[in-house]
Amino acid sequence: MNSSQETQCHSIIHSVAATCGAIGGGMAQVPGSDNLVIVPLQIAMVVSLGTVFGIELSDSSAKAALASATATTVGRGISQALVGWIPGYGNALNATTAFAVTEAIGWAVANEFSERKSLLRR
């Protein structure tokens, strides 16, 4: 990944992660409700990251890439079910986990796309 691609990835991933964190924090008391908003944002992030590397993705391809990277959301679901309903604490925890999981997914996908492009150039 060159520096221009890395800068673009930072912008895409951080803005989507911050948005997901805000949504997760605001919707913490209704377990799972934030997924209705967060998942489409993460799919859009994957499509945008593909564009950075010249990889054209359909929505179904983006969903597949996202699904393979979202194994970490199991922990998010567990933490939300255990303490997400507690006002204040649950909001902060849900916001933090939504942000962190989105960041992790974004960088995993970006690195995968970068690796895929470098293999194709060989």
PDB file of N, CA and C in Angstrom:
ATOM      1  N   MET A   1       0.866  -1.161   0.000  1.00  0.00           N
ATOM      2  CA  MET A   1       0.000   0.000   0.000  1.00  0.00           C
ATOM      3  C   MET A   1       0.913   1.223   0.000  1.00  0.00           C
ATOM      4  N   ASN A   2       0.701   2.091  -0.986  1.00  0.00           N
ATOM      5  CA  ASN A   2       1.524   3.293  -1.022  1.00  0.00           C
ATOM      6  C   ASN A   2       0.942   4.361  -0.088  1.00  0.00           C
ATOM      7  N   SER A   3       1.652   5.462   0.087  1.00  0.00           N
ATOM      8  CA  SER A   3       1.233   6.468   1.071  1.00  0.00           C
ATOM      9  C   SER A   3      -0.088   7.139   0.687  1.00  0.00           C
ATOM     10  N   SER A   4      -0.334   7.322  -0.600  1.00  0.00           N
ATOM     11  CA  SER A   4      -1.608   7.907  -1.036  1.00  0.00           C
ATOM     12  C   SER A   4      -2.774   6.978  -0.686  1.00  0.00           C
ATOM     13  N   GLN A   5      -2.602   5.697  -0.947  1.00  0.00           N
ATOM     14  CA  GLN A   5      -3.632   4.717  -0.612  1.00  0.00           C
ATOM     15  C   GLN A   5      -3.846   4.645   0.895  1.00  0.00           C
ATOM     16  N   GLU A   6      -2.756   4.707   1.643  1.00  0.00           N
ATOM     17  CA  GLU A   6      -2.876   4.660   3.094  1.00  0.00           C
ATOM     18  C   GLU A   6      -3.636   5.874   3.626  1.00  0.00           C
ATOM     19  N   THR A   7      -3.358   7.042   3.069  1.00  0.00           N
ATOM     20  CA  THR A   7      -4.066   8.258   3.475  1.00  0.00           C
ATOM     21  C   THR A   7      -5.554   8.147   3.164  1.00  0.00           C
ATOM     22  N   GLN A   8      -5.870   7.641   1.970  1.00  0.00           N
ATOM     23  CA  GLN A   8      -7.281   7.458   1.600  1.00  0.00           C
ATOM     24  C   GLN A   8      -7.960   6.450   2.517  1.00  0.00           C
ATOM     25  N   CYS A   9      -7.250   5.354   2.826  1.00  0.00           N
ATOM     26  CA  CYS A   9      -7.808   4.340   3.727  1.00  0.00           C
ATOM     27  C   CYS A   9      -8.054   4.926   5.113  1.00  0.00           C
ATOM     28  N   HIS A  10      -7.098   5.698   5.633  1.00  0.00           N
ATOM     29  CA  HIS A  10      -7.282   6.348   6.933  1.00  0.00           C
ATOM     30  C   HIS A  10      -8.555   7.174   6.936  1.00  0.00           C
ATOM     31  N   SER A  11      -8.726   7.976   5.909  1.00  0.00           N
ATOM     32  CA  SER A  11      -9.893   8.857   5.830  1.00  0.00           C
ATOM     33  C   SER A  11     -11.197   8.057   5.813  1.00  0.00           C
ATOM     34  N   ILE A  12     -11.249   7.058   4.963  1.00  0.00           N
ATOM     35  CA  ILE A  12     -12.466   6.240   4.844  1.00  0.00           C
ATOM     36  C   ILE A  12     -12.745   5.492   6.145  1.00  0.00           C
ATOM     37  N   ILE A  13     -11.750   4.776   6.637  1.00  0.00           N
ATOM     38  CA  ILE A  13     -11.941   3.916   7.812  1.00  0.00           C
ATOM     39  C   ILE A  13     -12.267   4.739   9.052  1.00  0.00           C
ATOM     40  N   HIS A  14     -11.517   5.811   9.305  1.00  0.00           N
ATOM     41  CA  HIS A  14     -11.750   6.601  10.515  1.00  0.00           C
ATOM     42  C   HIS A  14     -13.109   7.295  10.488  1.00  0.00           C
ATOM     43  N   SER A  15     -13.522   7.810   9.325  1.00  0.00           N
ATOM     44  CA  SER A  15     -14.819   8.488   9.281  1.00  0.00           C
ATOM     45  C   SER A  15     -15.969   7.504   9.488  1.00  0.00           C
ATOM     46  N   VAL A  16     -15.872   6.323   8.881  1.00  0.00           N
ATOM     47  CA  VAL A  16     -16.932   5.322   9.069  1.00  0.00           C
ATOM     48  C   VAL A  16     -16.908   4.793  10.503  1.00  0.00           C
ATOM     49  N   ALA A  17     -15.721   4.557  11.058  1.00  0.00           N
ATOM     50  CA  ALA A  17     -15.624   4.060  12.435  1.00  0.00           C
ATOM     51  C   ALA A  17     -16.193   5.074  13.428  1.00  0.00           C
ATOM     52  N   ALA A  18     -15.898   6.360  13.215  1.00  0.00           N
ATOM     53  CA  ALA A  18     -16.436   7.396  14.109  1.00  0.00           C
ATOM     54  C   ALA A  18     -17.960   7.455  14.015  1.00  0.00           C
ATOM     55  N   THR A  19     -18.473   7.341  12.808  1.00  0.00           N
ATOM     56  CA  THR A  19     -19.927   7.345  12.624  1.00  0.00           C
ATOM     57  C   THR A  19     -20.552   6.127  13.305  1.00  0.00           C
ATOM     58  N   CYS A  20     -19.936   4.959  13.122  1.00  0.00           N
ATOM     59  CA  CYS A  20     -20.448   3.738  13.757  1.00  0.00           C
ATOM     60  C   CYS A  20     -20.369   3.836  15.275  1.00  0.00           C
ATOM     61  N   GLY A  21     -19.311   4.442  15.787  1.00  0.00           N
ATOM     62  CA  GLY A  21     -19.197   4.639  17.233  1.00  0.00           C
ATOM     63  C   GLY A  21     -20.319   5.517  17.765  1.00  0.00           C
ATOM     64  N   ALA A  22     -20.609   6.590  17.047  1.00  0.00           N
ATOM     65  CA  ALA A  22     -21.697   7.487  17.471  1.00  0.00           C
ATOM     66  C   ALA A  22     -23.044   6.770  17.432  1.00  0.00           C
ATOM     67  N   ILE A  23     -23.263   6.001  16.389  1.00  0.00           N
ATOM     68  CA  ILE A  23     -24.519   5.248  16.276  1.00  0.00           C
ATOM     69  C   ILE A  23     -24.602   4.195  17.381  1.00  0.00           C
ATOM     70  N   GLY A  24     -23.514   3.458  17.583  1.00  0.00           N
ATOM     71  CA  GLY A  24     -23.496   2.433  18.628  1.00  0.00           C
ATOM     72  C   GLY A  24     -23.745   3.012  20.002  1.00  0.00           C
ATOM     73  N   GLY A  25     -23.147   4.158  20.284  1.00  0.00           N
ATOM     74  CA  GLY A  25     -23.347   4.810  21.575  1.00  0.00           C
ATOM     75  C   GLY A  25     -24.765   5.305  21.768  1.00  0.00           C
ATOM     76  N   GLY A  26     -25.342   5.815  20.708  1.00  0.00           N
ATOM     77  CA  GLY A  26     -26.696   6.365  20.802  1.00  0.00           C
ATOM     78  C   GLY A  26     -27.794   5.324  20.876  1.00  0.00           C
ATOM     79  N   MET A  27     -27.516   4.139  20.370  1.00  0.00           N
ATOM     80  CA  MET A  27     -28.561   3.112  20.304  1.00  0.00           C
ATOM     81  C   MET A  27     -28.278   1.934  21.240  1.00  0.00           C
ATOM     82  N   ALA A  28     -27.476   2.147  22.259  1.00  0.00           N
ATOM     83  CA  ALA A  28     -27.012   1.049  23.120  1.00  0.00           C
ATOM     84  C   ALA A  28     -28.123   0.350  23.885  1.00  0.00           C
ATOM     85  N   GLN A  29     -29.160   1.055  24.256  1.00  0.00           N
ATOM     86  CA  GLN A  29     -30.172   0.439  25.111  1.00  0.00           C
ATOM     87  C   GLN A  29     -31.124  -0.494  24.357  1.00  0.00           C
ATOM     88  N   VAL A  30     -31.016  -0.542  23.031  1.00  0.00           N
ATOM     89  CA  VAL A  30     -31.837  -1.459  22.248  1.00  0.00           C
ATOM     90  C   VAL A  30     -30.884  -2.430  21.548  1.00  0.00           C
ATOM     91  N   PRO A  31     -30.557  -3.549  22.188  1.00  0.00           N
ATOM     92  CA  PRO A  31     -29.556  -4.476  21.653  1.00  0.00           C
ATOM     93  C   PRO A  31     -29.832  -4.881  20.207  1.00  0.00           C
ATOM     94  N   GLY A  32     -28.793  -4.772  19.387  1.00  0.00           N
ATOM     95  CA  GLY A  32     -28.887  -5.181  17.991  1.00  0.00           C
ATOM     96  C   GLY A  32     -29.459  -4.149  17.053  1.00  0.00           C
ATOM     97  N   SER A  33     -30.104  -3.117  17.576  1.00  0.00           N
ATOM     98  CA  SER A  33     -30.754  -2.134  16.703  1.00  0.00           C
ATOM     99  C   SER A  33     -29.742  -1.351  15.880  1.00  0.00           C
ATOM    100  N   ASP A  34     -28.559  -1.143  16.424  1.00  0.00           N
ATOM    101  CA  ASP A  34     -27.555  -0.370  15.698  1.00  0.00           C
ATOM    102  C   ASP A  34     -27.019  -1.121  14.484  1.00  0.00           C
ATOM    103  N   ASN A  35     -27.144  -2.442  14.471  1.00  0.00           N
ATOM    104  CA  ASN A  35     -26.667  -3.219  13.323  1.00  0.00           C
ATOM    105  C   ASN A  35     -27.400  -2.865  12.046  1.00  0.00           C
ATOM    106  N   LEU A  36     -28.651  -2.449  12.164  1.00  0.00           N
ATOM    107  CA  LEU A  36     -29.428  -2.066  10.983  1.00  0.00           C
ATOM    108  C   LEU A  36     -28.819  -0.863  10.274  1.00  0.00           C
ATOM    109  N   VAL A  37     -28.093  -0.038  11.002  1.00  0.00           N
ATOM    110  CA  VAL A  37     -27.452   1.143  10.435  1.00  0.00           C
ATOM    111  C   VAL A  37     -25.956   0.900  10.211  1.00  0.00           C
ATOM    112  N   ILE A  38     -25.314   0.217  11.134  1.00  0.00           N
ATOM    113  CA  ILE A  38     -23.862   0.027  11.072  1.00  0.00           C
ATOM    114  C   ILE A  38     -23.445  -0.886   9.918  1.00  0.00           C
ATOM    115  N   VAL A  39     -24.136  -1.981   9.702  1.00  0.00           N
ATOM    116  CA  VAL A  39     -23.739  -2.929   8.658  1.00  0.00           C
ATOM    117  C   VAL A  39     -23.749  -2.284   7.265  1.00  0.00           C
ATOM    118  N   PRO A  40     -24.792  -1.540   6.879  1.00  0.00           N
ATOM    119  CA  PRO A  40     -24.723  -0.869   5.568  1.00  0.00           C
ATOM    120  C   PRO A  40     -23.559   0.128   5.465  1.00  0.00           C
ATOM    121  N   LEU A  41     -23.234   0.803   6.560  1.00  0.00           N
ATOM    122  CA  LEU A  41     -22.079   1.707   6.545  1.00  0.00           C
ATOM    123  C   LEU A  41     -20.781   0.930   6.337  1.00  0.00           C
ATOM    124  N   GLN A  42     -20.669  -0.216   6.981  1.00  0.00           N
ATOM    125  CA  GLN A  42     -19.470  -1.032   6.826  1.00  0.00           C
ATOM    126  C   GLN A  42     -19.375  -1.601   5.410  1.00  0.00           C
ATOM    127  N   ILE A  43     -20.505  -1.947   4.821  1.00  0.00           N
ATOM    128  CA  ILE A  43     -20.501  -2.424   3.430  1.00  0.00           C
ATOM    129  C   ILE A  43     -20.030  -1.305   2.506  1.00  0.00           C
ATOM    130  N   ALA A  44     -20.531  -0.097   2.719  1.00  0.00           N
ATOM    131  CA  ALA A  44     -20.091   1.049   1.915  1.00  0.00           C
ATOM    132  C   ALA A  44     -18.601   1.307   2.103  1.00  0.00           C
ATOM    133  N   MET A  45     -18.103   1.115   3.320  1.00  0.00           N
ATOM    134  CA  MET A  45     -16.680   1.276   3.597  1.00  0.00           C
ATOM    135  C   MET A  45     -15.870   0.271   2.783  1.00  0.00           C
ATOM    136  N   VAL A  46     -16.297  -0.980   2.744  1.00  0.00           N
ATOM    137  CA  VAL A  46     -15.589  -2.019   1.996  1.00  0.00           C
ATOM    138  C   VAL A  46     -15.567  -1.677   0.504  1.00  0.00           C
ATOM    139  N   VAL A  47     -16.688  -1.220  -0.022  1.00  0.00           N
ATOM    140  CA  VAL A  47     -16.751  -0.828  -1.435  1.00  0.00           C
ATOM    141  C   VAL A  47     -15.798   0.337  -1.698  1.00  0.00           C
ATOM    142  N   SER A  48     -15.791   1.327  -0.809  1.00  0.00           N
ATOM    143  CA  SER A  48     -14.893   2.478  -0.954  1.00  0.00           C
ATOM    144  C   SER A  48     -13.426   2.067  -0.885  1.00  0.00           C
ATOM    145  N   LEU A  49     -13.107   1.152   0.016  1.00  0.00           N
ATOM    146  CA  LEU A  49     -11.731   0.666   0.115  1.00  0.00           C
ATOM    147  C   LEU A  49     -11.336  -0.080  -1.159  1.00  0.00           C
ATOM    148  N   GLY A  50     -12.253  -0.813  -1.722  1.00  0.00           N
ATOM    149  CA  GLY A  50     -11.977  -1.483  -2.990  1.00  0.00           C
ATOM    150  C   GLY A  50     -11.625  -0.478  -4.073  1.00  0.00           C
ATOM    151  N   THR A  51     -12.329   0.634  -4.104  1.00  0.00           N
ATOM    152  CA  THR A  51     -12.070   1.684  -5.086  1.00  0.00           C
ATOM    153  C   THR A  51     -10.655   2.235  -4.943  1.00  0.00           C
ATOM    154  N   VAL A  52     -10.196   2.388  -3.712  1.00  0.00           N
ATOM    155  CA  VAL A  52      -8.837   2.891  -3.460  1.00  0.00           C
ATOM    156  C   VAL A  52      -7.803   2.013  -4.160  1.00  0.00           C
ATOM    157  N   PHE A  53      -8.046   0.712  -4.190  1.00  0.00           N
ATOM    158  CA  PHE A  53      -7.093  -0.235  -4.768  1.00  0.00           C
ATOM    159  C   PHE A  53      -7.469  -0.677  -6.176  1.00  0.00           C
ATOM    160  N   GLY A  54      -8.471  -0.021  -6.752  1.00  0.00           N
ATOM    161  CA  GLY A  54      -8.883  -0.368  -8.105  1.00  0.00           C
ATOM    162  C   GLY A  54      -9.604  -1.699  -8.189  1.00  0.00           C
ATOM    163  N   ILE A  55     -10.238  -2.086  -7.102  1.00  0.00           N
ATOM    164  CA  ILE A  55     -10.995  -3.337  -7.064  1.00  0.00           C
ATOM    165  C   ILE A  55     -12.474  -2.976  -7.056  1.00  0.00           C
ATOM    166  N   GLU A  56     -13.168  -3.392  -8.107  1.00  0.00           N
ATOM    167  CA  GLU A  56     -14.591  -3.085  -8.211  1.00  0.00           C
ATOM    168  C   GLU A  56     -15.385  -4.197  -7.531  1.00  0.00           C
ATOM    169  N   LEU A  57     -16.232  -3.804  -6.604  1.00  0.00           N
ATOM    170  CA  LEU A  57     -17.009  -4.777  -5.841  1.00  0.00           C
ATOM    171  C   LEU A  57     -18.495  -4.548  -6.027  1.00  0.00           C
ATOM    172  N   SER A  58     -19.235  -5.618  -6.169  1.00  0.00           N
ATOM    173  CA  SER A  58     -20.687  -5.520  -6.105  1.00  0.00           C
ATOM    174  C   SER A  58     -21.075  -5.522  -4.632  1.00  0.00           C
ATOM    175  N   ASP A  59     -22.322  -5.206  -4.349  1.00  0.00           N
ATOM    176  CA  ASP A  59     -22.773  -5.260  -2.954  1.00  0.00           C
ATOM    177  C   ASP A  59     -22.600  -6.655  -2.380  1.00  0.00           C
ATOM    178  N   SER A  60     -22.864  -7.690  -3.177  1.00  0.00           N
ATOM    179  CA  SER A  60     -22.733  -9.053  -2.653  1.00  0.00           C
ATOM    180  C   SER A  60     -21.271  -9.395  -2.376  1.00  0.00           C
ATOM    181  N   SER A  61     -20.356  -8.915  -3.217  1.00  0.00           N
ATOM    182  CA  SER A  61     -18.928  -9.135  -2.955  1.00  0.00           C
ATOM    183  C   SER A  61     -18.492  -8.396  -1.702  1.00  0.00           C
ATOM    184  N   ALA A  62     -18.990  -7.175  -1.529  1.00  0.00           N
ATOM    185  CA  ALA A  62     -18.658  -6.390  -0.334  1.00  0.00           C
ATOM    186  C   ALA A  62     -19.207  -7.073   0.908  1.00  0.00           C
ATOM    187  N   LYS A  63     -20.412  -7.614   0.809  1.00  0.00           N
ATOM    188  CA  LYS A  63     -20.994  -8.324   1.950  1.00  0.00           C
ATOM    189  C   LYS A  63     -20.165  -9.556   2.295  1.00  0.00           C
ATOM    190  N   ALA A  64     -19.668 -10.257   1.285  1.00  0.00           N
ATOM    191  CA  ALA A  64     -18.836 -11.438   1.534  1.00  0.00           C
ATOM    192  C   ALA A  64     -17.525 -11.038   2.203  1.00  0.00           C
ATOM    193  N   ALA A  65     -16.903  -9.957   1.727  1.00  0.00           N
ATOM    194  CA  ALA A  65     -15.658  -9.478   2.341  1.00  0.00           C
ATOM    195  C   ALA A  65     -15.911  -9.050   3.779  1.00  0.00           C
ATOM    196  N   LEU A  66     -17.030  -8.376   3.993  1.00  0.00           N
ATOM    197  CA  LEU A  66     -17.387  -7.924   5.338  1.00  0.00           C
ATOM    198  C   LEU A  66     -17.673  -9.119   6.238  1.00  0.00           C
ATOM    199  N   ALA A  67     -18.382 -10.122   5.723  1.00  0.00           N
ATOM    200  CA  ALA A  67     -18.723 -11.300   6.529  1.00  0.00           C
ATOM    201  C   ALA A  67     -17.474 -12.043   6.979  1.00  0.00           C
ATOM    202  N   SER A  68     -16.499 -12.125   6.103  1.00  0.00           N
ATOM    203  CA  SER A  68     -15.284 -12.850   6.486  1.00  0.00           C
ATOM    204  C   SER A  68     -14.479 -12.070   7.526  1.00  0.00           C
ATOM    205  N   ALA A  69     -14.675 -10.761   7.573  1.00  0.00           N
ATOM    206  CA  ALA A  69     -13.924  -9.938   8.522  1.00  0.00           C
ATOM    207  C   ALA A  69     -14.677  -9.685   9.822  1.00  0.00           C
ATOM    208  N   THR A  70     -15.935 -10.070   9.898  1.00  0.00           N
ATOM    209  CA  THR A  70     -16.742  -9.708  11.068  1.00  0.00           C
ATOM    210  C   THR A  70     -16.833 -10.772  12.147  1.00  0.00           C
ATOM    211  N   ALA A  71     -15.973 -11.728  12.134  1.00  0.00           N
ATOM    212  CA  ALA A  71     -15.987 -12.728  13.211  1.00  0.00           C
ATOM    213  C   ALA A  71     -15.787 -12.056  14.560  1.00  0.00           C
ATOM    214  N   THR A  72     -15.117 -10.912  14.569  1.00  0.00           N
ATOM    215  CA  THR A  72     -14.869 -10.201  15.824  1.00  0.00           C
ATOM    216  C   THR A  72     -16.135  -9.590  16.412  1.00  0.00           C
ATOM    217  N   THR A  73     -17.208  -9.498  15.634  1.00  0.00           N
ATOM    218  CA  THR A  73     -18.427  -8.880  16.160  1.00  0.00           C
ATOM    219  C   THR A  73     -19.138  -9.760  17.177  1.00  0.00           C
ATOM    220  N   VAL A  74     -18.757 -11.015  17.263  1.00  0.00           N
ATOM    221  CA  VAL A  74     -19.352 -11.893  18.274  1.00  0.00           C
ATOM    222  C   VAL A  74     -19.091 -11.309  19.666  1.00  0.00           C
ATOM    223  N   GLY A  75     -17.864 -10.901  19.902  1.00  0.00           N
ATOM    224  CA  GLY A  75     -17.517 -10.282  21.186  1.00  0.00           C
ATOM    225  C   GLY A  75     -18.301  -9.012  21.439  1.00  0.00           C
ATOM    226  N   ARG A  76     -18.528  -8.243  20.379  1.00  0.00           N
ATOM    227  CA  ARG A  76     -19.303  -7.011  20.505  1.00  0.00           C
ATOM    228  C   ARG A  76     -20.738  -7.337  20.927  1.00  0.00           C
ATOM    229  N   GLY A  77     -21.308  -8.354  20.313  1.00  0.00           N
ATOM    230  CA  GLY A  77     -22.667  -8.751  20.652  1.00  0.00           C
ATOM    231  C   GLY A  77     -22.791  -9.225  22.089  1.00  0.00           C
ATOM    232  N   ILE A  78     -21.801  -9.968  22.539  1.00  0.00           N
ATOM    233  CA  ILE A  78     -21.814 -10.461  23.920  1.00  0.00           C
ATOM    234  C   ILE A  78     -21.718  -9.303  24.902  1.00  0.00           C
ATOM    235  N   SER A  79     -20.785  -8.369  24.655  1.00  0.00           N
ATOM    236  CA  SER A  79     -20.636  -7.236  25.584  1.00  0.00           C
ATOM    237  C   SER A  79     -21.887  -6.375  25.594  1.00  0.00           C
ATOM    238  N   GLN A  80     -22.519  -6.216  24.435  1.00  0.00           N
ATOM    239  CA  GLN A  80     -23.733  -5.411  24.382  1.00  0.00           C
ATOM    240  C   GLN A  80     -24.868  -6.085  25.159  1.00  0.00           C
ATOM    241  N   ALA A  81     -24.986  -7.378  25.031  1.00  0.00           N
ATOM    242  CA  ALA A  81     -26.050  -8.091  25.738  1.00  0.00           C
ATOM    243  C   ALA A  81     -25.836  -8.059  27.248  1.00  0.00           C
ATOM    244  N   LEU A  82     -24.580  -8.120  27.684  1.00  0.00           N
ATOM    245  CA  LEU A  82     -24.292  -8.154  29.115  1.00  0.00           C
ATOM    246  C   LEU A  82     -24.438  -6.798  29.791  1.00  0.00           C
ATOM    247  N   VAL A  83     -23.883  -5.734  29.176  1.00  0.00           N
ATOM    248  CA  VAL A  83     -23.890  -4.430  29.848  1.00  0.00           C
ATOM    249  C   VAL A  83     -24.378  -3.285  28.969  1.00  0.00           C
ATOM    250  N   GLY A  84     -24.718  -3.558  27.714  1.00  0.00           N
ATOM    251  CA  GLY A  84     -25.124  -2.501  26.798  1.00  0.00           C
ATOM    252  C   GLY A  84     -26.383  -1.763  27.225  1.00  0.00           C
ATOM    253  N   TRP A  85     -27.208  -2.394  27.995  1.00  0.00           N
ATOM    254  CA  TRP A  85     -28.472  -1.800  28.415  1.00  0.00           C
ATOM    255  C   TRP A  85     -28.316  -0.821  29.569  1.00  0.00           C
ATOM    256  N   ILE A  86     -27.168  -0.777  30.216  1.00  0.00           N
ATOM    257  CA  ILE A  86     -26.948   0.126  31.353  1.00  0.00           C
ATOM    258  C   ILE A  86     -26.682   1.533  30.835  1.00  0.00           C
ATOM    259  N   PRO A  87     -27.572   2.485  31.124  1.00  0.00           N
ATOM    260  CA  PRO A  87     -27.372   3.849  30.622  1.00  0.00           C
ATOM    261  C   PRO A  87     -26.010   4.418  31.039  1.00  0.00           C
ATOM    262  N   GLY A  88     -25.402   5.144  30.148  1.00  0.00           N
ATOM    263  CA  GLY A  88     -24.095   5.739  30.412  1.00  0.00           C
ATOM    264  C   GLY A  88     -22.982   4.756  30.136  1.00  0.00           C
ATOM    265  N   TYR A  89     -22.819   3.770  30.992  1.00  0.00           N
ATOM    266  CA  TYR A  89     -21.761   2.772  30.842  1.00  0.00           C
ATOM    267  C   TYR A  89     -21.965   1.964  29.564  1.00  0.00           C
ATOM    268  N   GLY A  90     -23.178   1.521  29.346  1.00  0.00           N
ATOM    269  CA  GLY A  90     -23.494   0.742  28.141  1.00  0.00           C
ATOM    270  C   GLY A  90     -23.282   1.556  26.877  1.00  0.00           C
ATOM    271  N   ASN A  91     -23.660   2.840  26.929  1.00  0.00           N
ATOM    272  CA  ASN A  91     -23.475   3.704  25.763  1.00  0.00           C
ATOM    273  C   ASN A  91     -21.992   3.835  25.421  1.00  0.00           C
ATOM    274  N   ALA A  92     -21.170   4.080  26.451  1.00  0.00           N
ATOM    275  CA  ALA A  92     -19.729   4.247  26.232  1.00  0.00           C
ATOM    276  C   ALA A  92     -19.111   2.948  25.712  1.00  0.00           C
ATOM    277  N   LEU A  93     -19.487   1.815  26.306  1.00  0.00           N
ATOM    278  CA  LEU A  93     -18.949   0.530  25.881  1.00  0.00           C
ATOM    279  C   LEU A  93     -19.371   0.214  24.448  1.00  0.00           C
ATOM    280  N   ASN A  94     -20.628   0.432  24.132  1.00  0.00           N
ATOM    281  CA  ASN A  94     -21.124   0.128  22.790  1.00  0.00           C
ATOM    282  C   ASN A  94     -20.478   1.032  21.747  1.00  0.00           C
ATOM    283  N   ALA A  95     -20.307   2.309  22.082  1.00  0.00           N
ATOM    284  CA  ALA A  95     -19.653   3.241  21.155  1.00  0.00           C
ATOM    285  C   ALA A  95     -18.212   2.811  20.898  1.00  0.00           C
ATOM    286  N   THR A  96     -17.515   2.451  21.965  1.00  0.00           N
ATOM    287  CA  THR A  96     -16.116   2.042  21.840  1.00  0.00           C
ATOM    288  C   THR A  96     -15.974   0.769  21.022  1.00  0.00           C
ATOM    289  N   THR A  97     -16.823  -0.210  21.287  1.00  0.00           N
ATOM    290  CA  THR A  97     -16.707  -1.468  20.551  1.00  0.00           C
ATOM    291  C   THR A  97     -17.123  -1.300  19.091  1.00  0.00           C
ATOM    292  N   ALA A  98     -18.163  -0.512  18.816  1.00  0.00           N
ATOM    293  CA  ALA A  98     -18.569  -0.275  17.422  1.00  0.00           C
ATOM    294  C   ALA A  98     -17.439   0.404  16.655  1.00  0.00           C
ATOM    295  N   PHE A  99     -16.784   1.385  17.292  1.00  0.00           N
ATOM    296  CA  PHE A  99     -15.666   2.073  16.665  1.00  0.00           C
ATOM    297  C   PHE A  99     -14.509   1.112  16.417  1.00  0.00           C
ATOM    298  N   ALA A 100     -14.120   0.373  17.454  1.00  0.00           N
ATOM    299  CA  ALA A 100     -12.950  -0.511  17.366  1.00  0.00           C
ATOM    300  C   ALA A 100     -13.162  -1.645  16.362  1.00  0.00           C
ATOM    301  N   VAL A 101     -14.342  -2.236  16.366  1.00  0.00           N
ATOM    302  CA  VAL A 101     -14.620  -3.334  15.433  1.00  0.00           C
ATOM    303  C   VAL A 101     -14.604  -2.817  13.998  1.00  0.00           C
ATOM    304  N   THR A 102     -15.186  -1.644  13.766  1.00  0.00           N
ATOM    305  CA  THR A 102     -15.202  -1.073  12.419  1.00  0.00           C
ATOM    306  C   THR A 102     -13.783  -0.748  11.955  1.00  0.00           C
ATOM    307  N   GLU A 103     -12.971  -0.198  12.848  1.00  0.00           N
ATOM    308  CA  GLU A 103     -11.561   0.076  12.525  1.00  0.00           C
ATOM    309  C   GLU A 103     -10.842  -1.227  12.154  1.00  0.00           C
ATOM    310  N   ALA A 104     -11.023  -2.254  12.973  1.00  0.00           N
ATOM    311  CA  ALA A 104     -10.349  -3.532  12.728  1.00  0.00           C
ATOM    312  C   ALA A 104     -10.782  -4.141  11.396  1.00  0.00           C
ATOM    313  N   ILE A 105     -12.066  -4.113  11.130  1.00  0.00           N
ATOM    314  CA  ILE A 105     -12.579  -4.636   9.865  1.00  0.00           C
ATOM    315  C   ILE A 105     -12.003  -3.834   8.704  1.00  0.00           C
ATOM    316  N   GLY A 106     -12.034  -2.515   8.825  1.00  0.00           N
ATOM    317  CA  GLY A 106     -11.543  -1.654   7.750  1.00  0.00           C
ATOM    318  C   GLY A 106     -10.093  -1.929   7.402  1.00  0.00           C
ATOM    319  N   TRP A 107      -9.241  -2.006   8.426  1.00  0.00           N
ATOM    320  CA  TRP A 107      -7.815  -2.248   8.160  1.00  0.00           C
ATOM    321  C   TRP A 107      -7.558  -3.667   7.672  1.00  0.00           C
ATOM    322  N   ALA A 108      -8.324  -4.635   8.149  1.00  0.00           N
ATOM    323  CA  ALA A 108      -8.170  -6.011   7.658  1.00  0.00           C
ATOM    324  C   ALA A 108      -8.513  -6.074   6.171  1.00  0.00           C
ATOM    325  N   VAL A 109      -9.606  -5.426   5.792  1.00  0.00           N
ATOM    326  CA  VAL A 109     -10.027  -5.407   4.388  1.00  0.00           C
ATOM    327  C   VAL A 109      -9.023  -4.629   3.544  1.00  0.00           C
ATOM    328  N   ALA A 110      -8.585  -3.461   4.018  1.00  0.00           N
ATOM    329  CA  ALA A 110      -7.618  -2.654   3.264  1.00  0.00           C
ATOM    330  C   ALA A 110      -6.325  -3.431   3.029  1.00  0.00           C
ATOM    331  N   ASN A 111      -5.838  -4.100   4.058  1.00  0.00           N
ATOM    332  CA  ASN A 111      -4.615  -4.894   3.906  1.00  0.00           C
ATOM    333  C   ASN A 111      -4.811  -6.066   2.956  1.00  0.00           C
ATOM    334  N   GLU A 112      -5.979  -6.680   3.015  1.00  0.00           N
ATOM    335  CA  GLU A 112      -6.295  -7.780   2.095  1.00  0.00           C
ATOM    336  C   GLU A 112      -6.328  -7.277   0.652  1.00  0.00           C
ATOM    337  N   PHE A 113      -6.979  -6.152   0.424  1.00  0.00           N
ATOM    338  CA  PHE A 113      -7.046  -5.586  -0.927  1.00  0.00           C
ATOM    339  C   PHE A 113      -5.660  -5.190  -1.421  1.00  0.00           C
ATOM    340  N   SER A 114      -4.854  -4.616  -0.550  1.00  0.00           N
ATOM    341  CA  SER A 114      -3.496  -4.226  -0.923  1.00  0.00           C
ATOM    342  C   SER A 114      -2.674  -5.454  -1.306  1.00  0.00           C
ATOM    343  N   GLU A 115      -2.798  -6.497  -0.521  1.00  0.00           N
ATOM    344  CA  GLU A 115      -2.079  -7.745  -0.798  1.00  0.00           C
ATOM    345  C   GLU A 115      -2.560  -8.358  -2.112  1.00  0.00           C
ATOM    346  N   ARG A 116      -3.862  -8.337  -2.324  1.00  0.00           N
ATOM    347  CA  ARG A 116      -4.430  -8.900  -3.545  1.00  0.00           C
ATOM    348  C   ARG A 116      -3.890  -8.164  -4.777  1.00  0.00           C
ATOM    349  N   LYS A 117      -3.825  -6.837  -4.700  1.00  0.00           N
ATOM    350  CA  LYS A 117      -3.322  -6.048  -5.826  1.00  0.00           C
ATOM    351  C   LYS A 117      -1.836  -6.299  -6.053  1.00  0.00           C
ATOM    352  N   SER A 118      -1.074  -6.441  -4.975  1.00  0.00           N
ATOM    353  CA  SER A 118       0.367  -6.679  -5.148  1.00  0.00           C
ATOM    354  C   SER A 118       0.622  -8.062  -5.750  1.00  0.00           C
ATOM    355  N   LEU A 119      -0.204  -9.053  -5.436  1.00  0.00           N
ATOM    356  CA  LEU A 119      -0.065 -10.387  -6.029  1.00  0.00           C
ATOM    357  C   LEU A 119      -0.386 -10.369  -7.518  1.00  0.00           C
ATOM    358  N   LEU A 120      -1.380  -9.549  -7.897  1.00  0.00           N
ATOM    359  CA  LEU A 120      -1.765  -9.458  -9.295  1.00  0.00           C
ATOM    360  C   LEU A 120      -0.680  -8.784 -10.148  1.00  0.00           C
ATOM    361  N   ARG A 121       0.094  -7.903  -9.526  1.00  0.00           N
ATOM    362  CA  ARG A 121       1.154  -7.195 -10.260  1.00  0.00           C
ATOM    363  C   ARG A 121       2.359  -8.088 -10.528  1.00  0.00           C
ATOM    364  N   ARG A 122       2.490  -9.166  -9.814  1.00  0.00           N
ATOM    365  CA  ARG A 122       3.663 -10.038  -9.968  1.00  0.00           C
ATOM    366  C   ARG A 122       3.595 -10.868 -11.210  1.00  0.00           C
TER     367      ARG A 122
END
